[in-house]
N, C-alpha and C. Protein backbone atom coordinates (compact mmCIF):
# COMPACT_ATOMS: atom_id res chain seq x y z
N MET A 1 -24.87 17.21 -41.52
CA MET A 1 -25.48 16.65 -40.15
C MET A 1 -26.87 16.41 -40.34
N SER A 2 -27.36 15.26 -39.66
CA SER A 2 -28.79 15.01 -39.64
C SER A 2 -29.43 15.81 -38.74
N PRO A 3 -30.50 16.47 -39.10
CA PRO A 3 -31.39 17.43 -38.31
C PRO A 3 -31.67 16.87 -36.88
N LEU A 4 -31.69 15.45 -36.87
CA LEU A 4 -32.05 14.89 -35.40
C LEU A 4 -30.80 14.51 -34.72
N GLN A 5 -29.57 14.86 -35.29
CA GLN A 5 -28.36 14.70 -34.57
C GLN A 5 -27.83 15.88 -33.84
N ALA A 6 -27.65 15.77 -32.39
CA ALA A 6 -27.28 16.83 -31.71
C ALA A 6 -25.70 17.24 -32.06
N PRO A 7 -25.48 18.48 -31.99
CA PRO A 7 -23.98 18.80 -32.22
C PRO A 7 -23.17 18.17 -31.47
N ARG A 8 -23.45 17.88 -30.28
CA ARG A 8 -22.51 17.04 -29.30
C ARG A 8 -23.19 15.70 -29.12
N HIS A 9 -22.75 14.51 -29.46
CA HIS A 9 -23.19 13.31 -29.37
C HIS A 9 -22.47 12.20 -28.91
N ILE A 10 -23.01 11.21 -28.29
CA ILE A 10 -22.16 9.98 -27.97
C ILE A 10 -22.54 8.79 -29.01
N THR A 11 -21.41 8.30 -29.44
CA THR A 11 -21.55 7.10 -30.39
C THR A 11 -20.42 6.03 -29.85
N TYR A 12 -20.80 4.88 -30.33
CA TYR A 12 -20.03 3.66 -29.88
C TYR A 12 -19.09 3.34 -31.11
N ILE A 13 -17.87 3.32 -30.90
CA ILE A 13 -16.78 2.74 -31.89
C ILE A 13 -16.00 1.71 -31.41
N PRO A 14 -15.34 0.89 -32.22
CA PRO A 14 -14.47 0.00 -31.81
C PRO A 14 -13.25 0.65 -31.01
N LEU A 15 -12.95 0.05 -29.84
CA LEU A 15 -11.82 0.49 -29.07
C LEU A 15 -10.47 0.69 -29.92
N THR A 16 -10.32 -0.05 -31.10
CA THR A 16 -9.05 -0.12 -31.92
C THR A 16 -9.25 0.90 -32.91
N ASP A 17 -10.34 1.66 -33.09
CA ASP A 17 -10.51 2.86 -34.10
C ASP A 17 -10.34 4.13 -33.32
N LEU A 18 -9.80 3.97 -31.97
CA LEU A 18 -9.82 5.43 -31.16
C LEU A 18 -8.43 5.70 -31.16
N PRO A 19 -7.85 6.48 -32.38
CA PRO A 19 -6.51 6.78 -32.26
C PRO A 19 -5.99 7.87 -31.34
N PRO A 20 -4.92 7.79 -30.67
CA PRO A 20 -4.54 8.79 -29.53
C PRO A 20 -3.57 9.77 -30.32
N ASP A 21 -3.74 11.05 -29.79
CA ASP A 21 -2.82 12.01 -30.23
C ASP A 21 -1.27 11.67 -29.94
N PRO A 22 -0.31 11.62 -30.75
CA PRO A 22 1.06 11.28 -30.77
C PRO A 22 1.76 12.28 -29.80
N VAL A 23 1.43 13.35 -29.61
CA VAL A 23 2.08 14.46 -29.04
C VAL A 23 1.31 14.55 -27.62
N ASN A 24 0.45 13.85 -27.07
CA ASN A 24 -0.10 13.87 -26.05
C ASN A 24 0.96 13.77 -24.88
N PRO A 25 0.92 14.98 -23.87
CA PRO A 25 2.18 14.94 -22.95
C PRO A 25 1.63 14.49 -21.60
N LYS A 26 0.47 14.20 -21.32
CA LYS A 26 -0.10 13.74 -19.91
C LYS A 26 0.32 12.20 -19.70
N LYS A 27 1.00 12.10 -18.55
CA LYS A 27 1.27 10.88 -17.87
C LYS A 27 0.15 10.38 -17.28
N HIS A 28 -0.05 8.87 -17.24
CA HIS A 28 -1.18 8.25 -16.60
C HIS A 28 -0.90 7.13 -15.50
N GLU A 29 -1.52 7.03 -14.57
CA GLU A 29 -1.45 5.94 -13.64
C GLU A 29 -2.39 4.94 -14.14
N ILE A 30 -2.14 4.04 -15.03
CA ILE A 30 -2.92 3.19 -15.57
C ILE A 30 -3.51 2.18 -14.69
N GLU A 31 -2.79 1.73 -13.94
CA GLU A 31 -3.27 0.53 -12.93
C GLU A 31 -4.32 1.33 -11.98
N ARG A 32 -4.39 2.42 -11.60
CA ARG A 32 -5.50 3.27 -10.84
C ARG A 32 -6.56 3.43 -11.83
N ILE A 33 -6.43 3.76 -13.05
CA ILE A 33 -7.50 3.78 -13.94
C ILE A 33 -8.15 2.55 -14.24
N ILE A 34 -7.72 1.54 -14.34
CA ILE A 34 -8.05 0.02 -14.44
C ILE A 34 -8.86 -0.11 -13.11
N ALA A 35 -8.23 0.09 -12.11
CA ALA A 35 -9.04 -0.32 -10.75
C ALA A 35 -10.42 0.58 -10.84
N SER A 36 -10.38 1.75 -11.20
CA SER A 36 -11.41 2.62 -11.03
C SER A 36 -12.53 2.10 -11.98
N ILE A 37 -12.24 1.55 -13.17
CA ILE A 37 -13.10 1.01 -14.24
C ILE A 37 -13.78 -0.24 -13.73
N GLN A 38 -12.84 -1.02 -13.02
CA GLN A 38 -13.37 -2.26 -12.34
C GLN A 38 -14.33 -2.07 -11.31
N ASP A 39 -14.00 -1.04 -10.48
CA ASP A 39 -14.90 -0.66 -9.32
C ASP A 39 -16.25 -0.19 -9.84
N HIS A 40 -16.23 0.92 -10.71
CA HIS A 40 -17.52 1.66 -11.11
C HIS A 40 -17.97 1.61 -12.42
N GLY A 41 -17.20 0.91 -13.27
CA GLY A 41 -17.61 0.68 -14.82
C GLY A 41 -16.95 1.99 -15.54
N PHE A 42 -17.03 1.98 -16.71
CA PHE A 42 -16.67 3.04 -17.55
C PHE A 42 -17.39 4.19 -17.60
N ILE A 43 -17.22 5.23 -17.00
CA ILE A 43 -18.13 6.41 -16.76
C ILE A 43 -17.88 7.56 -17.68
N GLU A 44 -16.73 8.22 -17.64
CA GLU A 44 -16.41 9.30 -18.41
C GLU A 44 -15.94 8.99 -19.91
N THR A 45 -16.60 9.47 -20.82
CA THR A 45 -16.39 9.05 -22.22
C THR A 45 -15.22 9.97 -22.90
N PRO A 46 -14.47 9.53 -23.82
CA PRO A 46 -13.31 10.13 -24.38
C PRO A 46 -13.89 10.98 -25.32
N VAL A 47 -13.15 12.18 -25.82
CA VAL A 47 -13.71 13.05 -26.85
C VAL A 47 -12.78 13.06 -27.92
N VAL A 48 -13.47 13.02 -29.26
CA VAL A 48 -12.68 12.89 -30.37
C VAL A 48 -12.66 14.27 -31.12
N ASP A 49 -11.48 14.66 -31.68
CA ASP A 49 -11.42 15.96 -32.38
C ASP A 49 -11.89 15.56 -33.86
N GLU A 50 -12.99 16.23 -34.22
CA GLU A 50 -13.57 15.80 -35.58
C GLU A 50 -12.51 16.32 -36.66
N ARG A 51 -11.78 17.37 -36.60
CA ARG A 51 -10.80 17.78 -37.42
C ARG A 51 -9.80 16.89 -37.82
N THR A 52 -9.03 16.27 -36.76
CA THR A 52 -8.05 15.67 -36.66
C THR A 52 -8.25 14.05 -36.70
N GLY A 53 -9.41 13.79 -36.03
CA GLY A 53 -9.93 12.51 -35.84
C GLY A 53 -9.21 11.57 -34.62
N LEU A 54 -8.33 12.27 -34.01
CA LEU A 54 -7.48 12.15 -32.82
C LEU A 54 -8.43 12.12 -31.66
N VAL A 55 -7.81 11.41 -30.50
CA VAL A 55 -8.35 11.72 -29.08
C VAL A 55 -8.01 13.09 -28.62
N ILE A 56 -9.00 13.73 -28.15
CA ILE A 56 -8.58 15.19 -27.50
C ILE A 56 -8.60 14.96 -26.01
N SER A 57 -9.37 13.96 -25.40
CA SER A 57 -9.49 13.78 -24.18
C SER A 57 -10.04 12.25 -23.87
N GLY A 58 -8.96 11.62 -23.02
CA GLY A 58 -9.36 10.04 -22.85
C GLY A 58 -8.26 9.07 -23.12
N HIS A 59 -6.93 9.72 -23.26
CA HIS A 59 -5.91 8.89 -23.53
C HIS A 59 -5.67 7.78 -22.44
N GLY A 60 -5.78 8.17 -21.30
CA GLY A 60 -5.48 7.13 -20.24
C GLY A 60 -6.54 6.14 -20.11
N ARG A 61 -7.63 6.67 -20.21
CA ARG A 61 -8.89 5.47 -20.31
C ARG A 61 -8.78 4.41 -21.53
N ARG A 62 -8.28 5.18 -22.66
CA ARG A 62 -8.06 4.22 -23.64
C ARG A 62 -7.07 3.27 -23.63
N ILE A 63 -5.83 3.59 -22.96
CA ILE A 63 -4.83 2.60 -22.59
C ILE A 63 -5.31 1.76 -21.55
N ALA A 64 -6.00 2.11 -20.64
CA ALA A 64 -6.48 1.25 -19.66
C ALA A 64 -7.33 0.04 -20.15
N LEU A 65 -8.14 0.44 -21.05
CA LEU A 65 -9.10 -0.29 -21.70
C LEU A 65 -8.43 -1.36 -22.42
N ILE A 66 -7.68 -1.03 -23.29
CA ILE A 66 -6.66 -1.89 -24.08
C ILE A 66 -6.10 -2.90 -23.32
N GLU A 67 -5.33 -2.51 -22.15
CA GLU A 67 -4.58 -3.20 -21.21
C GLU A 67 -5.51 -4.21 -20.57
N MET A 68 -6.79 -3.87 -20.27
CA MET A 68 -7.69 -4.85 -19.69
C MET A 68 -8.27 -5.88 -20.66
N GLN A 69 -8.40 -5.46 -21.92
CA GLN A 69 -8.82 -6.28 -22.99
C GLN A 69 -7.61 -7.37 -23.22
N THR A 70 -6.54 -6.73 -23.29
CA THR A 70 -5.31 -7.76 -23.39
C THR A 70 -5.23 -8.82 -22.23
N ARG A 71 -5.44 -8.49 -21.06
CA ARG A 71 -5.43 -9.34 -19.98
C ARG A 71 -6.68 -10.39 -20.06
N GLY A 72 -7.53 -10.20 -20.82
CA GLY A 72 -8.71 -11.17 -20.87
C GLY A 72 -9.56 -10.81 -20.07
N GLU A 73 -9.71 -9.54 -19.36
CA GLU A 73 -10.81 -9.33 -18.25
C GLU A 73 -12.24 -9.13 -19.14
N PRO A 74 -13.20 -9.10 -18.29
CA PRO A 74 -14.68 -9.07 -18.95
C PRO A 74 -14.77 -7.65 -19.41
N VAL A 75 -15.73 -7.46 -20.43
CA VAL A 75 -15.84 -6.18 -20.84
C VAL A 75 -16.69 -5.36 -19.59
N PRO A 76 -16.01 -4.07 -19.28
CA PRO A 76 -16.70 -3.21 -18.14
C PRO A 76 -18.08 -2.90 -18.48
N PRO A 77 -18.82 -2.44 -17.43
CA PRO A 77 -20.13 -1.77 -17.68
C PRO A 77 -19.85 -0.50 -18.48
N GLY A 78 -20.80 -0.12 -19.35
CA GLY A 78 -20.52 1.15 -20.26
C GLY A 78 -20.03 0.85 -21.49
N LEU A 79 -19.60 -0.32 -21.84
CA LEU A 79 -18.90 -0.74 -23.14
C LEU A 79 -19.90 -1.68 -23.83
N LEU A 80 -19.79 -1.92 -24.97
CA LEU A 80 -20.67 -2.86 -25.71
C LEU A 80 -19.62 -3.81 -26.31
N ILE A 81 -20.13 -4.94 -26.94
CA ILE A 81 -19.32 -5.98 -27.79
C ILE A 81 -19.94 -6.02 -29.06
N ASP A 82 -19.00 -5.98 -29.98
CA ASP A 82 -19.60 -6.27 -31.41
C ASP A 82 -19.58 -7.76 -31.65
N ASP A 83 -20.04 -8.10 -32.97
CA ASP A 83 -20.23 -9.38 -33.48
C ASP A 83 -18.95 -10.39 -33.33
N ASP A 84 -17.83 -9.69 -33.44
CA ASP A 84 -16.62 -10.43 -33.41
C ASP A 84 -15.97 -10.44 -32.13
N GLY A 85 -16.56 -9.86 -30.95
CA GLY A 85 -16.17 -10.11 -29.91
C GLY A 85 -15.15 -8.85 -29.38
N GLY A 86 -15.05 -7.81 -30.32
CA GLY A 86 -14.41 -6.55 -29.94
C GLY A 86 -15.21 -5.64 -29.08
N TRP A 87 -14.39 -4.84 -28.27
CA TRP A 87 -14.88 -3.75 -27.42
C TRP A 87 -15.42 -2.67 -28.20
N LEU A 88 -16.67 -2.21 -27.90
CA LEU A 88 -17.09 -0.83 -28.63
C LEU A 88 -17.02 0.09 -27.34
N ILE A 89 -16.36 1.24 -27.52
CA ILE A 89 -16.28 2.31 -26.66
C ILE A 89 -17.12 3.65 -26.87
N PRO A 90 -17.77 4.13 -26.04
CA PRO A 90 -18.71 5.34 -26.25
C PRO A 90 -17.68 6.56 -26.14
N VAL A 91 -17.94 7.38 -27.24
CA VAL A 91 -17.06 8.61 -27.39
C VAL A 91 -18.01 9.77 -27.72
N THR A 92 -17.56 10.89 -27.15
CA THR A 92 -18.19 12.12 -27.46
C THR A 92 -17.61 12.73 -28.96
N ARG A 93 -18.78 13.03 -29.85
CA ARG A 93 -18.29 13.44 -31.03
C ARG A 93 -18.94 14.88 -31.24
N GLY A 94 -18.62 15.62 -32.16
CA GLY A 94 -18.99 16.97 -32.70
C GLY A 94 -18.24 18.16 -32.45
N TRP A 95 -17.10 18.01 -31.69
CA TRP A 95 -16.23 19.18 -31.49
C TRP A 95 -15.15 18.98 -32.60
N ALA A 96 -14.67 20.15 -32.97
CA ALA A 96 -13.60 20.12 -33.95
C ALA A 96 -12.65 21.31 -33.56
N SER A 97 -11.26 21.05 -33.55
CA SER A 97 -10.35 22.16 -33.39
C SER A 97 -10.37 22.97 -34.76
N GLN A 98 -9.97 24.31 -34.72
CA GLN A 98 -9.74 25.15 -35.77
C GLN A 98 -8.32 24.78 -36.36
N ASN A 99 -7.38 24.42 -35.50
CA ASN A 99 -5.96 24.12 -36.14
C ASN A 99 -5.28 23.26 -35.03
N ASP A 100 -4.00 22.94 -35.22
CA ASP A 100 -3.23 22.13 -34.37
C ASP A 100 -2.85 22.82 -33.01
N ARG A 101 -2.58 24.00 -33.12
CA ARG A 101 -2.41 24.75 -31.84
C ARG A 101 -3.40 24.79 -30.66
N GLN A 102 -4.67 25.01 -31.43
CA GLN A 102 -5.88 24.77 -30.54
C GLN A 102 -6.15 23.65 -30.02
N ALA A 103 -5.85 22.63 -30.95
CA ALA A 103 -6.03 21.12 -30.42
C ALA A 103 -5.14 21.00 -29.24
N HIS A 104 -3.95 21.30 -29.54
CA HIS A 104 -2.89 20.94 -28.49
C HIS A 104 -2.98 21.74 -26.98
N ALA A 105 -3.71 22.98 -27.19
CA ALA A 105 -4.07 23.72 -26.02
C ALA A 105 -5.10 23.13 -25.24
N VAL A 106 -6.24 22.79 -26.12
CA VAL A 106 -7.46 22.12 -25.44
C VAL A 106 -6.85 20.65 -24.90
N LEU A 107 -6.02 19.92 -25.46
CA LEU A 107 -5.53 18.82 -24.86
C LEU A 107 -5.08 19.04 -23.61
N ILE A 108 -4.17 19.98 -23.31
CA ILE A 108 -3.61 20.37 -22.02
C ILE A 108 -4.75 21.06 -21.01
N LEU A 109 -5.55 21.85 -21.71
CA LEU A 109 -6.52 22.44 -20.61
C LEU A 109 -7.62 21.53 -20.08
N LEU A 110 -7.99 20.57 -20.87
CA LEU A 110 -8.91 19.45 -20.28
C LEU A 110 -8.35 18.81 -19.10
N ASN A 111 -6.83 18.48 -19.15
CA ASN A 111 -6.31 17.59 -18.08
C ASN A 111 -6.06 18.61 -17.14
N ARG A 112 -6.00 19.98 -17.17
CA ARG A 112 -5.68 21.01 -16.06
C ARG A 112 -7.00 21.00 -15.30
N LEU A 113 -8.03 21.37 -15.99
CA LEU A 113 -9.21 22.28 -15.39
C LEU A 113 -9.81 21.25 -14.25
N GLY A 114 -9.88 20.05 -14.27
CA GLY A 114 -10.67 19.18 -13.14
C GLY A 114 -9.94 19.44 -11.92
N ALA A 115 -8.65 19.69 -11.77
CA ALA A 115 -7.99 19.68 -10.46
C ALA A 115 -7.68 21.12 -10.09
N ALA A 116 -7.95 22.05 -11.14
CA ALA A 116 -7.66 23.58 -10.92
C ALA A 116 -8.09 24.36 -9.67
N GLY A 117 -9.48 23.83 -9.36
CA GLY A 117 -10.25 24.60 -8.46
C GLY A 117 -9.82 24.05 -7.07
N GLY A 118 -9.16 22.91 -6.87
CA GLY A 118 -8.83 22.44 -5.61
C GLY A 118 -9.94 21.91 -4.98
N TRP A 119 -10.05 21.87 -3.61
CA TRP A 119 -11.15 21.07 -2.86
C TRP A 119 -11.52 22.06 -1.54
N ASP A 120 -12.92 21.93 -1.50
CA ASP A 120 -13.32 22.58 -0.21
C ASP A 120 -13.25 21.64 0.95
N PRO A 121 -12.39 21.89 1.82
CA PRO A 121 -12.02 21.00 2.86
C PRO A 121 -13.18 20.57 3.74
N GLY A 122 -14.17 21.25 4.07
CA GLY A 122 -15.17 20.84 4.96
C GLY A 122 -15.97 19.75 4.21
N PRO A 123 -16.57 19.99 3.20
CA PRO A 123 -17.59 19.07 2.33
C PRO A 123 -16.57 17.74 2.05
N LEU A 124 -15.35 17.97 1.64
CA LEU A 124 -14.53 16.81 1.21
C LEU A 124 -14.21 15.92 2.50
N ALA A 125 -13.99 16.57 3.64
CA ALA A 125 -13.60 15.82 4.94
C ALA A 125 -14.75 15.04 5.33
N GLU A 126 -16.07 15.54 5.13
CA GLU A 126 -17.18 14.81 5.60
C GLU A 126 -17.63 13.72 4.67
N ILE A 127 -17.35 13.75 3.33
CA ILE A 127 -17.55 12.60 2.53
C ILE A 127 -16.56 11.44 2.88
N LEU A 128 -15.31 11.87 3.11
CA LEU A 128 -14.39 11.05 3.22
C LEU A 128 -14.37 10.24 4.51
N GLU A 129 -14.66 10.82 5.49
CA GLU A 129 -14.94 10.37 6.84
C GLU A 129 -16.15 9.44 7.01
N ASP A 130 -17.20 9.67 6.15
CA ASP A 130 -18.30 8.88 5.92
C ASP A 130 -17.93 7.61 5.18
N LEU A 131 -17.13 7.57 4.20
CA LEU A 131 -16.61 6.41 3.45
C LEU A 131 -15.78 5.69 4.22
N ALA A 132 -14.72 6.21 4.98
CA ALA A 132 -13.66 5.60 5.80
C ALA A 132 -14.35 4.70 6.79
N THR A 133 -15.33 5.16 7.34
CA THR A 133 -16.10 4.52 8.38
C THR A 133 -17.19 3.51 8.35
N SER A 134 -17.65 3.68 7.03
CA SER A 134 -18.86 2.88 6.59
C SER A 134 -18.72 1.98 5.27
N ASP A 135 -17.64 2.23 4.46
CA ASP A 135 -17.40 1.56 3.42
C ASP A 135 -15.97 1.79 2.95
N ALA A 136 -15.06 0.85 3.71
CA ALA A 136 -13.63 0.97 3.45
C ALA A 136 -13.19 0.54 2.03
N ASP A 137 -13.96 -0.19 1.50
CA ASP A 137 -13.62 -0.44 -0.08
C ASP A 137 -13.67 0.80 -0.96
N LEU A 138 -14.71 1.41 -0.63
CA LEU A 138 -14.81 2.64 -1.46
C LEU A 138 -13.77 3.58 -0.97
N PHE A 139 -13.50 3.78 0.06
CA PHE A 139 -12.41 4.62 0.42
C PHE A 139 -10.94 4.16 0.05
N ASP A 140 -10.83 2.97 0.09
CA ASP A 140 -9.49 2.62 -0.53
C ASP A 140 -9.48 2.76 -2.05
N SER A 141 -10.52 2.82 -2.67
CA SER A 141 -10.45 2.96 -4.22
C SER A 141 -9.94 4.29 -4.39
N LEU A 142 -9.98 5.41 -3.59
CA LEU A 142 -9.52 6.63 -3.68
C LEU A 142 -8.00 6.80 -3.67
N CYS A 143 -7.19 5.75 -3.04
CA CYS A 143 -6.07 5.90 -2.83
C CYS A 143 -5.52 7.04 -2.10
N ILE A 144 -5.96 7.54 -1.17
CA ILE A 144 -5.54 8.54 -0.40
C ILE A 144 -4.71 8.08 0.76
N SER A 145 -3.51 8.74 0.99
CA SER A 145 -2.61 8.42 1.91
C SER A 145 -3.03 8.94 3.29
N ASP A 146 -2.30 8.29 4.34
CA ASP A 146 -2.68 8.82 5.64
C ASP A 146 -2.17 10.33 5.76
N ASP A 147 -1.15 10.54 5.32
CA ASP A 147 -0.70 11.90 5.53
C ASP A 147 -1.60 12.99 4.84
N GLU A 148 -2.12 12.57 3.69
CA GLU A 148 -3.13 13.44 3.00
C GLU A 148 -4.34 13.62 3.85
N MET A 149 -4.83 12.55 4.48
CA MET A 149 -6.00 12.62 5.12
C MET A 149 -5.95 13.35 6.48
N GLU A 150 -4.71 13.09 6.95
CA GLU A 150 -4.37 13.95 8.41
C GLU A 150 -4.20 15.48 7.90
N GLU A 151 -3.66 15.95 6.72
CA GLU A 151 -3.55 17.21 6.51
C GLU A 151 -4.85 17.84 6.21
N LEU A 152 -5.73 16.90 5.63
CA LEU A 152 -7.17 17.44 5.29
C LEU A 152 -7.96 17.63 6.74
N LEU A 153 -7.75 16.87 7.56
CA LEU A 153 -8.65 16.83 8.87
C LEU A 153 -8.18 18.14 9.70
N ARG A 154 -6.73 18.40 9.66
CA ARG A 154 -6.49 19.54 10.28
C ARG A 154 -7.13 20.95 9.76
N GLN A 155 -7.63 20.85 8.58
CA GLN A 155 -8.17 22.17 8.09
C GLN A 155 -9.48 22.33 8.16
N VAL A 156 -10.28 21.33 8.98
CA VAL A 156 -11.76 21.50 9.27
C VAL A 156 -11.93 21.47 10.80
N ASP A 157 -13.20 21.95 11.14
CA ASP A 157 -13.72 22.02 12.27
C ASP A 157 -14.40 20.38 12.70
N PRO A 158 -13.85 19.86 13.75
CA PRO A 158 -14.31 18.60 13.92
C PRO A 158 -15.68 18.56 14.15
N GLU A 159 -16.26 19.43 14.73
CA GLU A 159 -17.84 19.55 15.08
C GLU A 159 -18.55 19.50 13.78
N SER A 160 -18.05 19.92 12.68
CA SER A 160 -18.81 20.10 11.23
C SER A 160 -19.00 18.72 10.72
N LEU A 161 -18.16 17.63 11.21
CA LEU A 161 -18.10 16.26 10.58
C LEU A 161 -19.22 15.48 11.28
N PRO A 162 -19.51 14.44 10.51
CA PRO A 162 -20.48 13.56 11.22
C PRO A 162 -20.01 12.93 12.54
N GLN A 163 -20.93 13.00 13.66
CA GLN A 163 -20.62 12.45 14.99
C GLN A 163 -19.52 13.41 15.56
N GLY A 164 -19.47 14.72 15.11
CA GLY A 164 -18.73 15.77 15.56
C GLY A 164 -18.95 15.64 17.16
N PRO A 165 -17.81 16.02 18.00
CA PRO A 165 -17.75 16.00 19.43
C PRO A 165 -18.62 17.20 20.20
N ASP A 166 -18.99 17.12 21.20
CA ASP A 166 -19.76 18.39 21.72
C ASP A 166 -18.73 19.32 22.42
N SER A 167 -17.69 18.54 22.94
CA SER A 167 -16.71 19.44 23.54
C SER A 167 -15.59 20.02 22.73
N GLY A 168 -15.20 21.06 23.06
CA GLY A 168 -13.98 21.72 22.12
C GLY A 168 -12.76 21.40 22.45
N ASP A 169 -12.28 20.12 22.94
CA ASP A 169 -10.98 19.65 23.04
C ASP A 169 -10.18 19.36 21.97
N GLN A 170 -10.26 19.64 20.78
CA GLN A 170 -9.67 19.46 19.65
C GLN A 170 -8.57 20.76 19.39
N ASP A 171 -7.58 20.54 18.48
CA ASP A 171 -6.54 21.53 18.25
C ASP A 171 -7.35 22.74 17.57
N LYS A 172 -7.46 23.88 18.24
CA LYS A 172 -7.91 25.03 17.63
C LYS A 172 -7.01 25.89 16.77
N ASP A 173 -5.76 25.40 16.86
CA ASP A 173 -4.60 26.15 16.14
C ASP A 173 -4.57 25.55 14.63
N ALA A 174 -5.23 24.53 14.38
CA ALA A 174 -5.17 23.93 13.00
C ALA A 174 -5.25 24.91 11.91
N PRO A 175 -4.53 24.75 10.86
CA PRO A 175 -4.71 25.78 9.65
C PRO A 175 -6.04 25.61 9.08
N SER A 176 -6.27 26.57 8.52
CA SER A 176 -7.44 26.51 7.72
C SER A 176 -7.24 27.07 6.19
N GLY A 177 -8.17 26.61 5.32
CA GLY A 177 -7.92 27.15 3.90
C GLY A 177 -8.04 25.83 2.95
N ASN A 178 -7.89 26.20 1.70
CA ASN A 178 -7.79 25.10 0.68
C ASN A 178 -6.68 24.48 0.22
N ASP A 179 -5.86 23.86 1.43
CA ASP A 179 -4.56 23.60 0.97
C ASP A 179 -4.34 21.87 0.71
N PHE A 180 -5.53 21.42 0.56
CA PHE A 180 -5.34 19.85 0.44
C PHE A 180 -5.19 19.52 -1.02
N THR A 181 -4.12 19.33 -1.43
CA THR A 181 -3.49 18.98 -2.74
C THR A 181 -4.41 19.44 -3.81
N ASP A 182 -3.70 19.77 -5.05
CA ASP A 182 -4.58 20.35 -5.98
C ASP A 182 -4.46 19.61 -7.36
N ASP A 183 -4.09 18.18 -7.31
CA ASP A 183 -4.01 17.45 -8.51
C ASP A 183 -4.98 16.25 -8.32
N GLY A 184 -6.14 16.26 -8.07
CA GLY A 184 -6.89 15.28 -8.05
C GLY A 184 -7.02 14.77 -6.55
N PHE A 185 -6.27 13.75 -6.07
CA PHE A 185 -6.01 13.44 -4.75
C PHE A 185 -4.75 13.59 -4.32
N GLY A 186 -3.74 14.32 -5.17
CA GLY A 186 -2.44 14.48 -4.70
C GLY A 186 -1.55 13.14 -4.50
N ASP A 187 -1.58 12.26 -5.31
CA ASP A 187 -1.08 10.99 -5.34
C ASP A 187 0.37 11.05 -4.74
N THR A 188 0.89 10.32 -3.70
CA THR A 188 2.03 10.71 -3.23
C THR A 188 3.38 9.60 -3.92
N GLY A 189 2.82 8.81 -4.87
CA GLY A 189 3.57 7.81 -5.24
C GLY A 189 3.19 6.39 -5.18
N ASP A 190 3.58 5.86 -3.94
CA ASP A 190 3.26 4.42 -3.56
C ASP A 190 1.94 4.41 -2.67
N ASN A 191 1.24 5.45 -2.27
CA ASN A 191 0.06 5.36 -1.65
C ASN A 191 0.00 4.48 -0.46
N GLU A 192 1.27 4.23 0.13
CA GLU A 192 1.16 3.27 1.19
C GLU A 192 0.69 4.08 2.52
N ARG A 193 0.08 3.37 3.35
CA ARG A 193 -0.33 4.08 4.55
C ARG A 193 0.32 3.68 5.93
N ALA A 194 0.35 4.49 6.77
CA ALA A 194 1.11 4.02 8.05
C ALA A 194 0.31 3.49 9.10
N ALA A 195 0.53 3.97 10.33
CA ALA A 195 -0.31 3.23 11.44
C ALA A 195 -1.70 3.55 11.30
N GLY A 196 -2.14 4.56 10.77
CA GLY A 196 -3.42 4.83 10.75
C GLY A 196 -3.72 6.57 10.91
N VAL A 197 -5.04 6.82 10.63
CA VAL A 197 -5.36 8.10 10.90
C VAL A 197 -6.78 8.17 11.72
N CYS A 198 -6.52 9.28 12.90
CA CYS A 198 -7.38 9.38 13.86
C CYS A 198 -8.38 10.37 13.39
N CYS A 199 -9.70 10.10 13.16
CA CYS A 199 -10.78 11.26 12.99
C CYS A 199 -10.96 12.05 14.05
N PRO A 200 -10.85 13.48 13.88
CA PRO A 200 -11.11 14.29 15.26
C PRO A 200 -12.59 14.22 15.50
N ALA A 201 -13.49 14.01 14.73
CA ALA A 201 -14.84 14.22 14.77
C ALA A 201 -15.40 12.82 15.63
N CYS A 202 -15.10 11.83 15.37
CA CYS A 202 -15.59 10.49 15.98
C CYS A 202 -14.59 9.71 16.72
N GLY A 203 -13.26 10.01 16.51
CA GLY A 203 -12.13 9.37 17.27
C GLY A 203 -11.95 7.89 16.50
N HIS A 204 -12.50 7.78 15.42
CA HIS A 204 -12.24 6.50 14.50
C HIS A 204 -10.84 6.48 14.17
N LEU A 205 -10.16 5.10 14.43
CA LEU A 205 -8.89 5.26 13.90
C LEU A 205 -9.03 4.21 12.79
N PHE A 206 -8.51 4.55 11.53
CA PHE A 206 -8.65 3.75 10.29
C PHE A 206 -7.30 3.85 9.49
N SER A 207 -6.89 2.94 8.90
CA SER A 207 -5.65 2.65 8.11
C SER A 207 -5.98 1.82 6.90
N PRO A 208 -7.08 2.32 5.99
CA PRO A 208 -7.35 1.42 4.90
C PRO A 208 -6.11 1.58 3.78
N GLY A 209 -5.93 0.74 3.05
CA GLY A 209 -4.84 0.78 2.14
C GLY A 209 -5.09 -0.29 0.95
N ARG A 210 -4.92 0.05 -0.01
CA ARG A 210 -5.09 -0.81 -1.27
C ARG A 210 -3.84 -1.52 -1.41
């Protein structure tokens, strides 16, 4: 290793040279990943296991990019284009598993860690309420259902949210605690929204849906 090269470093490689682990058990909502990349660019870099040369994290993003390229979409921000028009993807290099068992354990672990802690209802509700009332497109990109939003709002004190009411006429028997889904945003399947969600803080009724 070059003395100027960090143990963990990012390098760009052809998308076609990013081989997946054939035993990867994680399912992916590819269309949602594609929508995220379209909205915000390519942010989180995949990780390659130096021992195997296989992807240890980033299988869904790899599939999404291949599908986007197949559809003829423009290269998203965060990627480069080589002289032949191929997409170059940033990957994190420098980590190597000790054996296949460790590689498979890390493969599962990295998919579980992000959602394992759950959410702090208060700060999450404050952010979502702000997005829902000021930037519906960004809120829509999160694909949060009405039921999920209602469940979250039942867990927080309305006065702690932006534009919270001065009066105490909201339901004080609402449950508290970190019960708002534990798998990202708790996708319910079709993410369809019903009549709308009324925020207890400002009374705003919104029914955004992608």
